[in-house]
Amino acid sequence: MKLIIAIVQPSRLDAIKQALVDVEVFRLTVVDCQGFGRQRGQLTAPPRGNPGIQLMRKVQLQIAVNDEFVEPTVQAILSAARSGEKGQIGDGKVFILPMEECIRIRTGERGPDAI
């Protein structure tokens, strides 16, 4: 089992949701977040009078999957989150973490069956 965390542009969320449905991934949590990466939040034309670091609005996707769904899920996110053919700075990141346990609260099921 893995936990996939993707931080992406909010404008790409609908395309990512559709791409996930296309690969039969139907469980998703979306969290609004802010942050900055390599660009340090600097816009190409920063607001006047505020040249410091700007937090950029992003969305964080959290997707728990069984091992056989990891690669299709990642590929769906990559293809739908990328801006244009080559992508652009700020398109986002994907993190894949091992998930030790998953428990369905309603039934008490554990492990891959609980996802």
C-alpha atoms as a PDB file:
ATOM      1  CA  MET A   1       0.000   0.000   0.000  1.00  0.00           C
ATOM      2  CA  LYS A   2       1.176   3.515  -0.800  1.00  0.00           C
ATOM      3  CA  LEU A   3       0.061   7.046  -0.052  1.00  0.00           C
ATOM      4  CA  ILE A   4       0.442   9.302  -3.075  1.00  0.00           C
ATOM      5  CA  ILE A   5       0.586  13.013  -2.320  1.00  0.00           C
ATOM      6  CA  ALA A   6       0.497  15.405  -5.257  1.00  0.00           C
ATOM      7  CA  ILE A   7       0.757  19.174  -4.979  1.00  0.00           C
ATOM      8  CA  VAL A   8      -0.616  20.731  -8.164  1.00  0.00           C
ATOM      9  CA  GLN A   9      -2.106  23.853  -9.730  1.00  0.00           C
ATOM     10  CA  PRO A  10      -5.768  24.338  -8.734  1.00  0.00           C
ATOM     11  CA  SER A  11      -6.692  24.928 -12.370  1.00  0.00           C
ATOM     12  CA  ARG A  12      -5.635  21.337 -13.233  1.00  0.00           C
ATOM     13  CA  LEU A  13      -7.836  19.659 -10.593  1.00  0.00           C
ATOM     14  CA  ASP A  14     -10.770  18.783 -12.876  1.00  0.00           C
ATOM     15  CA  ALA A  15      -8.463  17.250 -15.503  1.00  0.00           C
ATOM     16  CA  ILE A  16      -6.672  15.222 -12.812  1.00  0.00           C
ATOM     17  CA  LYS A  17      -9.958  13.944 -11.356  1.00  0.00           C
ATOM     18  CA  GLN A  18     -11.051  12.768 -14.810  1.00  0.00           C
ATOM     19  CA  ALA A  19      -7.670  11.129 -15.479  1.00  0.00           C
ATOM     20  CA  LEU A  20      -7.948   9.252 -12.160  1.00  0.00           C
ATOM     21  CA  VAL A  21     -11.453   8.041 -13.014  1.00  0.00           C
ATOM     22  CA  ASP A  22     -10.121   6.852 -16.387  1.00  0.00           C
ATOM     23  CA  VAL A  23      -7.608   4.572 -14.581  1.00  0.00           C
ATOM     24  CA  GLU A  24     -10.270   3.430 -12.075  1.00  0.00           C
ATOM     25  CA  VAL A  25      -9.004   5.355  -9.063  1.00  0.00           C
ATOM     26  CA  PHE A  26     -12.086   6.611  -7.239  1.00  0.00           C
ATOM     27  CA  ARG A  27     -10.753   7.603  -3.816  1.00  0.00           C
ATOM     28  CA  LEU A  28      -9.305  11.063  -3.408  1.00  0.00           C
ATOM     29  CA  THR A  29      -8.891  13.732  -0.764  1.00  0.00           C
ATOM     30  CA  VAL A  30      -8.221  17.327  -1.834  1.00  0.00           C
ATOM     31  CA  VAL A  31      -6.744  19.939   0.499  1.00  0.00           C
ATOM     32  CA  ASP A  32      -6.288  23.621  -0.339  1.00  0.00           C
ATOM     33  CA  CYS A  33      -2.772  24.710   0.498  1.00  0.00           C
ATOM     34  CA  GLN A  34      -0.200  27.428  -0.122  1.00  0.00           C
ATOM     35  CA  GLY A  35       3.531  27.274  -0.537  1.00  0.00           C
ATOM     36  CA  PHE A  36       6.524  28.016  -2.678  1.00  0.00           C
ATOM     37  CA  GLY A  37       9.140  25.927  -4.376  1.00  0.00           C
ATOM     38  CA  ARG A  38      12.281  26.551  -6.352  1.00  0.00           C
ATOM     39  CA  GLN A  39      10.918  29.863  -7.645  1.00  0.00           C
ATOM     40  CA  ARG A  40      10.453  31.038  -4.043  1.00  0.00           C
ATOM     41  CA  GLY A  41       6.942  32.217  -4.905  1.00  0.00           C
ATOM     42  CA  GLN A  42       8.235  34.890  -7.255  1.00  0.00           C
ATOM     43  CA  LEU A  43       5.821  35.688 -10.012  1.00  0.00           C
ATOM     44  CA  THR A  44       6.999  36.841 -13.405  1.00  0.00           C
ATOM     45  CA  ALA A  45       5.445  40.217 -12.519  1.00  0.00           C
ATOM     46  CA  PRO A  46       5.292  40.457  -8.699  1.00  0.00           C
ATOM     47  CA  PRO A  47       2.749  42.800  -7.098  1.00  0.00           C
ATOM     48  CA  ARG A  48       3.963  46.372  -6.609  1.00  0.00           C
ATOM     49  CA  GLY A  49       5.428  47.199  -3.243  1.00  0.00           C
ATOM     50  CA  ASN A  50       5.741  43.568  -2.170  1.00  0.00           C
ATOM     51  CA  PRO A  51       8.931  42.081  -3.643  1.00  0.00           C
ATOM     52  CA  GLY A  52       9.280  39.369  -0.962  1.00  0.00           C
ATOM     53  CA  ILE A  53       8.344  35.693  -1.091  1.00  0.00           C
ATOM     54  CA  GLN A  54       4.763  35.056  -2.138  1.00  0.00           C
ATOM     55  CA  LEU A  55       2.882  31.931  -1.133  1.00  0.00           C
ATOM     56  CA  MET A  56       1.304  30.394  -4.202  1.00  0.00           C
ATOM     57  CA  ARG A  57      -2.119  28.745  -3.999  1.00  0.00           C
ATOM     58  CA  LYS A  58      -2.007  25.004  -4.735  1.00  0.00           C
ATOM     59  CA  VAL A  59      -4.109  21.942  -4.039  1.00  0.00           C
ATOM     60  CA  GLN A  60      -2.796  18.813  -2.390  1.00  0.00           C
ATOM     61  CA  LEU A  61      -4.205  15.475  -3.483  1.00  0.00           C
ATOM     62  CA  GLN A  62      -3.973  12.539  -1.100  1.00  0.00           C
ATOM     63  CA  ILE A  63      -4.621   9.142  -2.634  1.00  0.00           C
ATOM     64  CA  ALA A  64      -4.183   5.813  -0.848  1.00  0.00           C
ATOM     65  CA  VAL A  65      -3.741   2.954  -3.320  1.00  0.00           C
ATOM     66  CA  ASN A  66      -2.811  -0.699  -3.387  1.00  0.00           C
ATOM     67  CA  ASP A  67       0.558  -1.429  -4.985  1.00  0.00           C
ATOM     68  CA  GLU A  68      -0.839  -2.369  -8.403  1.00  0.00           C
ATOM     69  CA  PHE A  69      -2.495   1.059  -8.716  1.00  0.00           C
ATOM     70  CA  VAL A  70       0.600   3.154  -7.916  1.00  0.00           C
ATOM     71  CA  GLU A  71       2.005   3.547 -11.432  1.00  0.00           C
ATOM     72  CA  PRO A  72      -1.343   4.106 -13.217  1.00  0.00           C
ATOM     73  CA  THR A  73      -2.248   6.717 -10.584  1.00  0.00           C
ATOM     74  CA  VAL A  74       1.070   8.540 -10.904  1.00  0.00           C
ATOM     75  CA  GLN A  75       0.926   8.517 -14.703  1.00  0.00           C
ATOM     76  CA  ALA A  76      -2.636   9.882 -14.644  1.00  0.00           C
ATOM     77  CA  ILE A  77      -1.564  12.731 -12.362  1.00  0.00           C
ATOM     78  CA  LEU A  78       1.542  13.526 -14.416  1.00  0.00           C
ATOM     79  CA  SER A  79      -0.306  13.641 -17.719  1.00  0.00           C
ATOM     80  CA  ALA A  80      -3.215  15.735 -16.415  1.00  0.00           C
ATOM     81  CA  ALA A  81      -1.222  18.121 -14.194  1.00  0.00           C
ATOM     82  CA  ARG A  82       1.448  19.043 -16.739  1.00  0.00           C
ATOM     83  CA  SER A  83       0.948  22.421 -18.450  1.00  0.00           C
ATOM     84  CA  GLY A  84       1.422  21.989 -22.159  1.00  0.00           C
ATOM     85  CA  GLU A  85       3.664  19.428 -23.815  1.00  0.00           C
ATOM     86  CA  LYS A  86       6.826  20.089 -21.811  1.00  0.00           C
ATOM     87  CA  GLY A  87       5.295  21.502 -18.633  1.00  0.00           C
ATOM     88  CA  GLN A  88       6.108  24.707 -16.791  1.00  0.00           C
ATOM     89  CA  ILE A  89       7.693  25.749 -13.529  1.00  0.00           C
ATOM     90  CA  GLY A  90       5.082  25.396 -10.808  1.00  0.00           C
ATOM     91  CA  ASP A  91       3.218  22.423 -12.289  1.00  0.00           C
ATOM     92  CA  GLY A  92       3.766  20.591  -9.012  1.00  0.00           C
ATOM     93  CA  LYS A  93       5.285  17.536  -7.364  1.00  0.00           C
ATOM     94  CA  VAL A  94       4.263  13.958  -6.621  1.00  0.00           C
ATOM     95  CA  PHE A  95       5.426  12.118  -3.506  1.00  0.00           C
ATOM     96  CA  ILE A  96       4.985   8.377  -2.975  1.00  0.00           C
ATOM     97  CA  LEU A  97       5.128   7.169   0.613  1.00  0.00           C
ATOM     98  CA  PRO A  98       4.877   3.667   2.066  1.00  0.00           C
ATOM     99  CA  MET A  99       1.664   3.223   4.024  1.00  0.00           C
ATOM    100  CA  GLU A 100       1.976   0.900   6.941  1.00  0.00           C
ATOM    101  CA  GLU A 101      -1.690   0.382   7.680  1.00  0.00           C
ATOM    102  CA  CYS A 102      -5.166   1.408   6.576  1.00  0.00           C
ATOM    103  CA  ILE A 103      -8.287   0.842   8.673  1.00  0.00           C
ATOM    104  CA  ARG A 104     -11.868   1.370   7.531  1.00  0.00           C
ATOM    105  CA  ILE A 105     -13.618   2.924  10.510  1.00  0.00           C
ATOM    106  CA  ARG A 106     -17.098   1.617   9.665  1.00  0.00           C
ATOM    107  CA  THR A 107     -16.173  -2.088   9.466  1.00  0.00           C
ATOM    108  CA  GLY A 108     -12.785  -2.326  11.137  1.00  0.00           C
ATOM    109  CA  GLU A 109     -11.270  -3.870   7.972  1.00  0.00           C
ATOM    110  CA  ARG A 110      -7.493  -3.500   7.764  1.00  0.00           C
ATOM    111  CA  GLY A 111      -4.881  -3.436   5.042  1.00  0.00           C
ATOM    112  CA  PRO A 112      -5.475  -3.447   1.278  1.00  0.00           C
ATOM    113  CA  ASP A 113      -9.159  -4.379   1.670  1.00  0.00           C
ATOM    114  CA  ALA A 114      -9.749  -1.197   3.679  1.00  0.00           C
ATOM    115  CA  ILE A 115      -8.592   1.072   0.855  1.00  0.00           C
END
